[in-house]
Amino acid sequence: MHLGRRNSQFQYLMNNHTKAVVEEKDLGLCITNNLKPYRQCQQAYAKASKALGLIARTISYKRSDVLLKLYINLWCGHI
């Protein structure tokens, strides 16, 4: 991945195809070459939406304290 002005942009060779990397995932964080958090926020939003969708589709008893506990358990279980 190319960061900074003086660093050369490395290209990787895999199966006779060269490719420049613009995004890497390290320790659960998505890092892009422009260092903007857009991709990380997009992934967090997708995880939260999946958990809420699962709860909405499967639970018919929807008291707020029960929903909060379910959401916290689903969210922490996927991190």
Protein backbone atom coordinates (compact mmCIF):
# COMPACT_ATOMS: atom_id res chain seq x y z
CA MET A 1 0.00 0.00 0.00
CA HIS A 2 1.26 3.46 -0.84
CA LEU A 3 1.33 5.96 2.04
CA GLY A 4 3.10 9.29 1.87
CA ARG A 5 4.64 11.27 -0.97
CA ARG A 6 8.09 9.71 -1.20
CA ASN A 7 7.14 6.05 -0.80
CA SER A 8 7.05 4.11 -4.02
CA GLN A 9 3.84 2.28 -4.72
CA PHE A 10 4.68 -1.40 -4.54
CA GLN A 11 2.98 -3.83 -6.84
CA TYR A 12 2.54 -7.46 -5.91
CA LEU A 13 2.84 -10.34 -8.32
CA MET A 14 0.43 -13.26 -7.87
CA ASN A 15 -0.19 -15.86 -10.59
CA ASN A 16 1.55 -13.65 -13.18
CA HIS A 17 -0.77 -10.70 -12.41
CA THR A 18 0.53 -7.49 -10.87
CA LYS A 19 -1.68 -5.61 -8.47
CA ALA A 20 -1.31 -2.45 -6.38
CA VAL A 21 -2.93 -2.63 -2.95
CA VAL A 22 -5.20 0.26 -1.88
CA GLU A 23 -6.74 -1.36 1.21
CA GLU A 24 -5.50 -3.68 3.95
CA LYS A 25 -7.16 -5.23 6.97
CA ASP A 26 -4.99 -5.49 10.08
CA LEU A 27 -6.16 -6.29 13.62
CA GLY A 28 -9.77 -5.99 12.47
CA LEU A 29 -9.33 -2.47 11.09
CA CYS A 30 -9.64 -1.57 7.43
CA ILE A 31 -6.91 0.83 6.38
CA THR A 32 -7.06 2.51 2.99
CA ASN A 33 -4.30 4.36 1.19
CA ASN A 34 -5.99 7.74 1.85
CA LEU A 35 -6.45 6.90 5.59
CA LYS A 36 -10.14 7.87 5.58
CA PRO A 37 -12.37 5.80 7.91
CA TYR A 38 -15.17 5.37 5.35
CA ARG A 39 -14.63 1.65 4.75
CA GLN A 40 -14.32 0.87 8.47
CA CYS A 41 -17.56 2.75 9.20
CA GLN A 42 -19.29 0.99 6.31
CA GLN A 43 -18.34 -2.42 7.71
CA ALA A 44 -19.47 -1.50 11.25
CA TYR A 45 -22.80 -0.27 9.88
CA ALA A 46 -23.27 -3.50 7.92
CA LYS A 47 -22.62 -5.63 11.04
CA ALA A 48 -25.07 -3.59 13.11
CA SER A 49 -27.72 -3.78 10.39
CA LYS A 50 -27.35 -7.54 10.14
CA ALA A 51 -27.78 -7.95 13.90
CA LEU A 52 -30.85 -5.70 13.97
CA GLY A 53 -32.34 -7.47 10.96
CA LEU A 54 -31.85 -10.86 12.59
CA ILE A 55 -33.56 -9.66 15.77
CA ALA A 56 -36.45 -8.10 13.83
CA ARG A 57 -37.06 -11.26 11.78
CA THR A 58 -36.83 -13.82 14.59
CA ILE A 59 -38.07 -12.21 17.83
CA SER A 60 -41.75 -11.52 18.35
CA TYR A 61 -41.48 -10.42 22.01
CA LYS A 62 -40.03 -6.93 21.60
CA ARG A 63 -39.60 -5.24 24.95
CA SER A 64 -36.85 -2.63 24.91
CA ASP A 65 -34.72 -4.22 27.66
CA VAL A 66 -34.87 -7.63 25.95
CA LEU A 67 -33.99 -6.14 22.56
CA LEU A 68 -31.04 -4.26 24.02
CA LYS A 69 -29.62 -7.42 25.61
CA LEU A 70 -30.05 -9.37 22.37
CA TYR A 71 -28.40 -6.65 20.31
CA ILE A 72 -25.43 -6.36 22.67
CA ASN A 73 -24.93 -10.13 22.67
CA LEU A 74 -25.16 -10.39 18.88
CA TRP A 75 -22.88 -7.41 18.32
CA CYS A 76 -20.20 -8.57 20.78
CA GLY A 77 -20.38 -12.10 19.47
CA HIS A 78 -19.31 -11.02 15.98
CA ILE A 79 -16.39 -8.75 16.91
